[in-house]
Amino acid sequence: MPDQLTPFSILILAGGRGQRMGGQDKGLIHWQGRPMIEWVHGVVRPLTDDLIISCNRNAEPYSVYADRLFADDDATFEGPLAGIRAGLRNARHSQLLVLPCDAPRVDQTLIEEIISRCGQHPVIVKSGGWIEPLFCLIPTLLNNDLELQWRSGQRSPQRWLSSHAPVFIECPTDDPRLSNFNTPQSLLVVK
């Protein structure tokens, strides 16, 4: 990654219930012989000195993949915005790159494109006209706004991010780098 880019923190979201996976922790499920978190970690580890994982269970296996772990404030599984909230509160850099743990085909090229657009507004990936809010870069200065919105009941990453005039990165429809493997059938995809 070019040295002139702003240093950034990375948050991998791994705090969900895994309902479509029968309650299994998606980041620890194997795809192509390795846990999905390991695929994402392999791409992002060289890019930051602040790698955070948001997980609400299985902290010990996740700890080998992160500099720091954070859990949601409560055990009710409020969704990915709760993980983003913890990441923004605790990021060491002025920008926070957010990625889901169940996207093992994300690559450095996409990350570099997202990071190259950093500024005062969130950067969000779109694919085939659909917003992919869990592939985004968020200025940490938006932390206070998220706290206010959270207290007023906001739980949608897409709605919250969209309220901040985001910059969009357009990816092709069905871009494999954005594939979330969140059902047993999706794990059958070959590389």
C-alpha atoms as a PDB file:
ATOM      1  CA  MET A   1       0.000   0.000   0.000  1.00  0.00           C
ATOM      2  CA  PRO A   2       1.396   3.438  -0.851  1.00  0.00           C
ATOM      3  CA  ASP A   3       3.010   5.201   2.101  1.00  0.00           C
ATOM      4  CA  GLN A   4       1.320   8.539   1.396  1.00  0.00           C
ATOM      5  CA  LEU A   5      -2.136   7.263   2.389  1.00  0.00           C
ATOM      6  CA  THR A   6      -3.552   8.298   5.750  1.00  0.00           C
ATOM      7  CA  PRO A   7      -2.992   5.667   8.465  1.00  0.00           C
ATOM      8  CA  PHE A   8      -6.266   3.954   9.274  1.00  0.00           C
ATOM      9  CA  SER A   9      -7.740   1.533  11.773  1.00  0.00           C
ATOM     10  CA  ILE A  10      -9.490  -1.614  10.595  1.00  0.00           C
ATOM     11  CA  LEU A  11     -12.588  -3.122  12.183  1.00  0.00           C
ATOM     12  CA  ILE A  12     -13.655  -6.648  11.296  1.00  0.00           C
ATOM     13  CA  LEU A  13     -17.256  -7.285  12.290  1.00  0.00           C
ATOM     14  CA  ALA A  14     -17.646 -10.739  13.840  1.00  0.00           C
ATOM     15  CA  GLY A  15     -20.277 -10.089  16.494  1.00  0.00           C
ATOM     16  CA  GLY A  16     -23.416 -11.564  14.962  1.00  0.00           C
ATOM     17  CA  ARG A  17     -25.593 -14.453  16.029  1.00  0.00           C
ATOM     18  CA  GLY A  18     -24.958 -16.476  12.876  1.00  0.00           C
ATOM     19  CA  GLN A  19     -28.645 -17.345  12.650  1.00  0.00           C
ATOM     20  CA  ARG A  20     -28.504 -18.386   8.989  1.00  0.00           C
ATOM     21  CA  MET A  21     -25.545 -20.615   9.897  1.00  0.00           C
ATOM     22  CA  GLY A  22     -27.438 -22.439  12.622  1.00  0.00           C
ATOM     23  CA  GLY A  23     -26.000 -20.241  15.354  1.00  0.00           C
ATOM     24  CA  GLN A  24     -22.361 -20.872  14.419  1.00  0.00           C
ATOM     25  CA  ASP A  25     -19.886 -18.015  14.675  1.00  0.00           C
ATOM     26  CA  LYS A  26     -19.386 -17.173  10.984  1.00  0.00           C
ATOM     27  CA  GLY A  27     -15.853 -15.875  11.248  1.00  0.00           C
ATOM     28  CA  LEU A  28     -14.681 -19.193  12.670  1.00  0.00           C
ATOM     29  CA  ILE A  29     -16.416 -21.361  10.058  1.00  0.00           C
ATOM     30  CA  HIS A  30     -14.004 -22.851   7.555  1.00  0.00           C
ATOM     31  CA  TRP A  31     -14.098 -22.011   3.853  1.00  0.00           C
ATOM     32  CA  GLN A  32     -11.506 -23.517   1.511  1.00  0.00           C
ATOM     33  CA  GLY A  33      -9.766 -25.090   4.504  1.00  0.00           C
ATOM     34  CA  ARG A  34      -9.363 -21.995   6.707  1.00  0.00           C
ATOM     35  CA  PRO A  35     -11.598 -19.971   9.047  1.00  0.00           C
ATOM     36  CA  MET A  36     -13.190 -17.059   7.176  1.00  0.00           C
ATOM     37  CA  ILE A  37     -11.623 -14.587   9.621  1.00  0.00           C
ATOM     38  CA  GLU A  38      -8.206 -15.890   8.610  1.00  0.00           C
ATOM     39  CA  TRP A  39      -8.812 -15.008   4.952  1.00  0.00           C
ATOM     40  CA  VAL A  40      -9.831 -11.430   5.823  1.00  0.00           C
ATOM     41  CA  HIS A  41      -7.007 -11.125   8.354  1.00  0.00           C
ATOM     42  CA  GLY A  42      -4.451 -12.235   5.774  1.00  0.00           C
ATOM     43  CA  VAL A  43      -5.418  -9.354   3.493  1.00  0.00           C
ATOM     44  CA  VAL A  44      -5.686  -6.586   6.086  1.00  0.00           C
ATOM     45  CA  ARG A  45      -3.009  -7.399   8.674  1.00  0.00           C
ATOM     46  CA  PRO A  46      -0.146  -5.776   6.710  1.00  0.00           C
ATOM     47  CA  LEU A  47      -2.169  -2.583   6.191  1.00  0.00           C
ATOM     48  CA  THR A  48      -2.587  -1.277   9.733  1.00  0.00           C
ATOM     49  CA  ASP A  49      -1.140  -1.157  13.213  1.00  0.00           C
ATOM     50  CA  ASP A  50      -4.666  -1.027  14.657  1.00  0.00           C
ATOM     51  CA  LEU A  51      -6.680  -4.125  13.789  1.00  0.00           C
ATOM     52  CA  ILE A  52      -9.880  -4.439  15.825  1.00  0.00           C
ATOM     53  CA  ILE A  53     -12.366  -7.298  15.861  1.00  0.00           C
ATOM     54  CA  SER A  54     -15.876  -6.793  17.153  1.00  0.00           C
ATOM     55  CA  CYS A  55     -16.985 -10.122  18.602  1.00  0.00           C
ATOM     56  CA  ASN A  56     -19.601 -10.995  21.182  1.00  0.00           C
ATOM     57  CA  ARG A  57     -18.403 -14.546  21.798  1.00  0.00           C
ATOM     58  CA  ASN A  58     -15.365 -16.735  21.172  1.00  0.00           C
ATOM     59  CA  ALA A  59     -12.914 -14.019  22.167  1.00  0.00           C
ATOM     60  CA  GLU A  60     -10.036 -16.445  22.646  1.00  0.00           C
ATOM     61  CA  PRO A  61      -9.951 -17.805  19.060  1.00  0.00           C
ATOM     62  CA  TYR A  62     -10.442 -14.307  17.644  1.00  0.00           C
ATOM     63  CA  SER A  63      -7.658 -12.788  19.779  1.00  0.00           C
ATOM     64  CA  VAL A  64      -4.916 -14.224  17.538  1.00  0.00           C
ATOM     65  CA  TYR A  65      -6.271 -12.192  14.608  1.00  0.00           C
ATOM     66  CA  ALA A  66      -6.499  -8.750  16.240  1.00  0.00           C
ATOM     67  CA  ASP A  67      -4.628  -6.115  18.176  1.00  0.00           C
ATOM     68  CA  ARG A  68      -7.760  -5.536  20.249  1.00  0.00           C
ATOM     69  CA  LEU A  69     -11.202  -7.103  20.675  1.00  0.00           C
ATOM     70  CA  PHE A  70     -14.406  -5.333  21.613  1.00  0.00           C
ATOM     71  CA  ALA A  71     -17.883  -6.620  22.341  1.00  0.00           C
ATOM     72  CA  ASP A  72     -21.192  -4.789  22.127  1.00  0.00           C
ATOM     73  CA  ASP A  73     -22.287  -2.874  25.214  1.00  0.00           C
ATOM     74  CA  ASP A  74     -24.964  -5.466  25.924  1.00  0.00           C
ATOM     75  CA  ALA A  75     -25.645  -9.075  25.003  1.00  0.00           C
ATOM     76  CA  THR A  76     -28.773  -8.466  22.919  1.00  0.00           C
ATOM     77  CA  PHE A  77     -26.980  -8.570  19.549  1.00  0.00           C
ATOM     78  CA  GLU A  78     -28.081  -5.123  18.358  1.00  0.00           C
ATOM     79  CA  GLY A  79     -26.553  -5.675  14.906  1.00  0.00           C
ATOM     80  CA  PRO A  80     -23.516  -4.458  12.982  1.00  0.00           C
ATOM     81  CA  LEU A  81     -24.003  -0.794  13.895  1.00  0.00           C
ATOM     82  CA  ALA A  82     -23.235  -1.779  17.502  1.00  0.00           C
ATOM     83  CA  GLY A  83     -19.880  -3.150  16.358  1.00  0.00           C
ATOM     84  CA  ILE A  84     -19.199  -0.049  14.264  1.00  0.00           C
ATOM     85  CA  ARG A  85     -20.043   2.075  17.283  1.00  0.00           C
ATOM     86  CA  ALA A  86     -17.458   0.225  19.403  1.00  0.00           C
ATOM     87  CA  GLY A  87     -14.915   0.521  16.596  1.00  0.00           C
ATOM     88  CA  LEU A  88     -15.378   4.274  16.187  1.00  0.00           C
ATOM     89  CA  ARG A  89     -15.098   4.852  19.927  1.00  0.00           C
ATOM     90  CA  ASN A  90     -11.856   2.913  20.131  1.00  0.00           C
ATOM     91  CA  ALA A  91     -10.052   3.432  16.798  1.00  0.00           C
ATOM     92  CA  ARG A  92      -6.550   4.856  17.118  1.00  0.00           C
ATOM     93  CA  HIS A  93      -6.551   6.571  13.720  1.00  0.00           C
ATOM     94  CA  SER A  94      -8.762   9.209  12.098  1.00  0.00           C
ATOM     95  CA  GLN A  95     -10.295   6.740   9.623  1.00  0.00           C
ATOM     96  CA  LEU A  96     -11.907   3.359  10.335  1.00  0.00           C
ATOM     97  CA  LEU A  97     -12.163   0.750   7.586  1.00  0.00           C
ATOM     98  CA  VAL A  98     -15.038  -1.652   8.277  1.00  0.00           C
ATOM     99  CA  LEU A  99     -15.244  -5.164   6.806  1.00  0.00           C
ATOM    100  CA  PRO A 100     -17.420  -8.191   7.590  1.00  0.00           C
ATOM    101  CA  CYS A 101     -15.763 -11.398   8.801  1.00  0.00           C
ATOM    102  CA  ASP A 102     -17.724 -13.510   6.309  1.00  0.00           C
ATOM    103  CA  ALA A 103     -16.260 -11.990   3.125  1.00  0.00           C
ATOM    104  CA  PRO A 104     -13.130 -14.091   2.627  1.00  0.00           C
ATOM    105  CA  ARG A 105     -12.572 -12.949  -0.961  1.00  0.00           C
ATOM    106  CA  VAL A 106     -12.060  -9.260  -0.183  1.00  0.00           C
ATOM    107  CA  ASP A 107      -8.745  -8.145  -1.648  1.00  0.00           C
ATOM    108  CA  GLN A 108      -6.136  -5.446  -1.182  1.00  0.00           C
ATOM    109  CA  THR A 109      -7.059  -3.741  -4.473  1.00  0.00           C
ATOM    110  CA  LEU A 110     -10.564  -2.979  -3.209  1.00  0.00           C
ATOM    111  CA  ILE A 111      -9.228  -1.814   0.147  1.00  0.00           C
ATOM    112  CA  GLU A 112      -6.724   0.502  -1.524  1.00  0.00           C
ATOM    113  CA  GLU A 113      -9.497   1.980  -3.660  1.00  0.00           C
ATOM    114  CA  ILE A 114     -11.655   2.633  -0.601  1.00  0.00           C
ATOM    115  CA  ILE A 115      -8.791   4.147   1.391  1.00  0.00           C
ATOM    116  CA  SER A 116      -7.708   6.362  -1.498  1.00  0.00           C
ATOM    117  CA  ARG A 117     -11.044   8.206  -1.222  1.00  0.00           C
ATOM    118  CA  CYS A 118     -10.776   9.000   2.495  1.00  0.00           C
ATOM    119  CA  GLY A 119     -11.874  12.428   3.614  1.00  0.00           C
ATOM    120  CA  GLN A 120     -14.558  13.992   5.773  1.00  0.00           C
ATOM    121  CA  HIS A 121     -17.355  11.757   4.484  1.00  0.00           C
ATOM    122  CA  PRO A 122     -17.853   8.003   4.684  1.00  0.00           C
ATOM    123  CA  VAL A 123     -16.775   5.923   1.696  1.00  0.00           C
ATOM    124  CA  ILE A 124     -19.163   3.062   0.905  1.00  0.00           C
ATOM    125  CA  VAL A 125     -19.011   0.287  -1.653  1.00  0.00           C
ATOM    126  CA  LYS A 126     -21.925  -0.199  -4.070  1.00  0.00           C
ATOM    127  CA  SER A 127     -22.499  -3.201  -6.299  1.00  0.00           C
ATOM    128  CA  GLY A 128     -25.182  -3.432  -8.963  1.00  0.00           C
ATOM    129  CA  GLY A 129     -26.898  -0.366  -7.505  1.00  0.00           C
ATOM    130  CA  TRP A 130     -26.994  -1.864  -3.993  1.00  0.00           C
ATOM    131  CA  ILE A 131     -25.195  -0.228  -1.095  1.00  0.00           C
ATOM    132  CA  GLU A 132     -22.848  -2.553   0.803  1.00  0.00           C
ATOM    133  CA  PRO A 133     -22.651  -0.670   4.127  1.00  0.00           C
ATOM    134  CA  LEU A 134     -20.352  -3.181   5.824  1.00  0.00           C
ATOM    135  CA  PHE A 135     -17.607  -2.438   3.285  1.00  0.00           C
ATOM    136  CA  CYS A 136     -16.906   1.162   4.215  1.00  0.00           C
ATOM    137  CA  LEU A 137     -14.470   3.729   5.536  1.00  0.00           C
ATOM    138  CA  ILE A 138     -15.707   6.069   8.249  1.00  0.00           C
ATOM    139  CA  PRO A 139     -14.019   9.203   9.594  1.00  0.00           C
ATOM    140  CA  THR A 140     -13.803   8.725  13.354  1.00  0.00           C
ATOM    141  CA  LEU A 141     -14.936  12.311  13.857  1.00  0.00           C
ATOM    142  CA  LEU A 142     -18.448  10.933  13.190  1.00  0.00           C
ATOM    143  CA  ASN A 143     -18.311   9.045  16.490  1.00  0.00           C
ATOM    144  CA  ASN A 144     -20.293  11.684  18.403  1.00  0.00           C
ATOM    145  CA  ASP A 145     -23.018  11.743  15.772  1.00  0.00           C
ATOM    146  CA  LEU A 146     -23.326   7.964  15.883  1.00  0.00           C
ATOM    147  CA  GLU A 147     -23.660   8.112  19.668  1.00  0.00           C
ATOM    148  CA  LEU A 148     -26.528  10.602  19.332  1.00  0.00           C
ATOM    149  CA  GLN A 149     -28.212   8.572  16.609  1.00  0.00           C
ATOM    150  CA  TRP A 150     -27.757   5.352  18.587  1.00  0.00           C
ATOM    151  CA  ARG A 151     -29.441   6.884  21.634  1.00  0.00           C
ATOM    152  CA  SER A 152     -32.362   7.938  19.434  1.00  0.00           C
ATOM    153  CA  GLY A 153     -32.815   4.341  18.253  1.00  0.00           C
ATOM    154  CA  GLN A 154     -30.832   4.183  15.013  1.00  0.00           C
ATOM    155  CA  ARG A 155     -29.652   0.619  14.301  1.00  0.00           C
ATOM    156  CA  SER A 156     -29.174   0.648  10.515  1.00  0.00           C
ATOM    157  CA  PRO A 157     -25.613   1.122   9.235  1.00  0.00           C
ATOM    158  CA  GLN A 158     -26.966   1.999   5.793  1.00  0.00           C
ATOM    159  CA  ARG A 159     -29.324   4.718   7.029  1.00  0.00           C
ATOM    160  CA  TRP A 160     -26.747   6.190   9.386  1.00  0.00           C
ATOM    161  CA  LEU A 161     -23.943   6.215   6.804  1.00  0.00           C
ATOM    162  CA  SER A 162     -26.263   7.577   4.101  1.00  0.00           C
ATOM    163  CA  SER A 163     -27.071  10.572   6.294  1.00  0.00           C
ATOM    164  CA  HIS A 164     -23.460  11.780   5.948  1.00  0.00           C
ATOM    165  CA  ALA A 165     -23.189  12.445   2.189  1.00  0.00           C
ATOM    166  CA  PRO A 166     -21.105   9.342   1.486  1.00  0.00           C
ATOM    167  CA  VAL A 167     -18.709   8.855  -1.386  1.00  0.00           C
ATOM    168  CA  PHE A 168     -19.470   5.649  -3.292  1.00  0.00           C
ATOM    169  CA  ILE A 169     -17.071   3.135  -4.808  1.00  0.00           C
ATOM    170  CA  GLU A 170     -18.837   1.328  -7.666  1.00  0.00           C
ATOM    171  CA  CYS A 171     -18.065  -2.371  -7.998  1.00  0.00           C
ATOM    172  CA  PRO A 172     -19.424  -4.710 -10.660  1.00  0.00           C
ATOM    173  CA  THR A 173     -22.690  -6.538 -10.032  1.00  0.00           C
ATOM    174  CA  ASP A 174     -22.013  -9.780  -8.173  1.00  0.00           C
ATOM    175  CA  ASP A 175     -18.404  -8.782  -7.463  1.00  0.00           C
ATOM    176  CA  PRO A 176     -16.982 -11.898  -5.741  1.00  0.00           C
ATOM    177  CA  ARG A 177     -14.922  -9.759  -3.365  1.00  0.00           C
ATOM    178  CA  LEU A 178     -18.172  -8.674  -1.717  1.00  0.00           C
ATOM    179  CA  SER A 179     -19.633 -12.171  -1.336  1.00  0.00           C
ATOM    180  CA  ASN A 180     -20.853 -12.724   2.210  1.00  0.00           C
ATOM    181  CA  PHE A 181     -20.836 -16.401   3.077  1.00  0.00           C
ATOM    182  CA  ASN A 182     -23.665 -16.447   5.573  1.00  0.00           C
ATOM    183  CA  THR A 183     -25.561 -19.639   4.713  1.00  0.00           C
ATOM    184  CA  PRO A 184     -24.302 -23.237   4.524  1.00  0.00           C
ATOM    185  CA  GLN A 185     -25.026 -23.232   0.754  1.00  0.00           C
ATOM    186  CA  SER A 186     -22.840 -20.175   0.170  1.00  0.00           C
ATOM    187  CA  LEU A 187     -19.830 -22.056   1.572  1.00  0.00           C
ATOM    188  CA  LEU A 188     -19.948 -24.349  -1.456  1.00  0.00           C
ATOM    189  CA  VAL A 189     -18.609 -21.532  -3.660  1.00  0.00           C
ATOM    190  CA  VAL A 190     -15.219 -22.374  -5.064  1.00  0.00           C
ATOM    191  CA  LYS A 191     -12.440 -19.800  -5.134  1.00  0.00           C
END
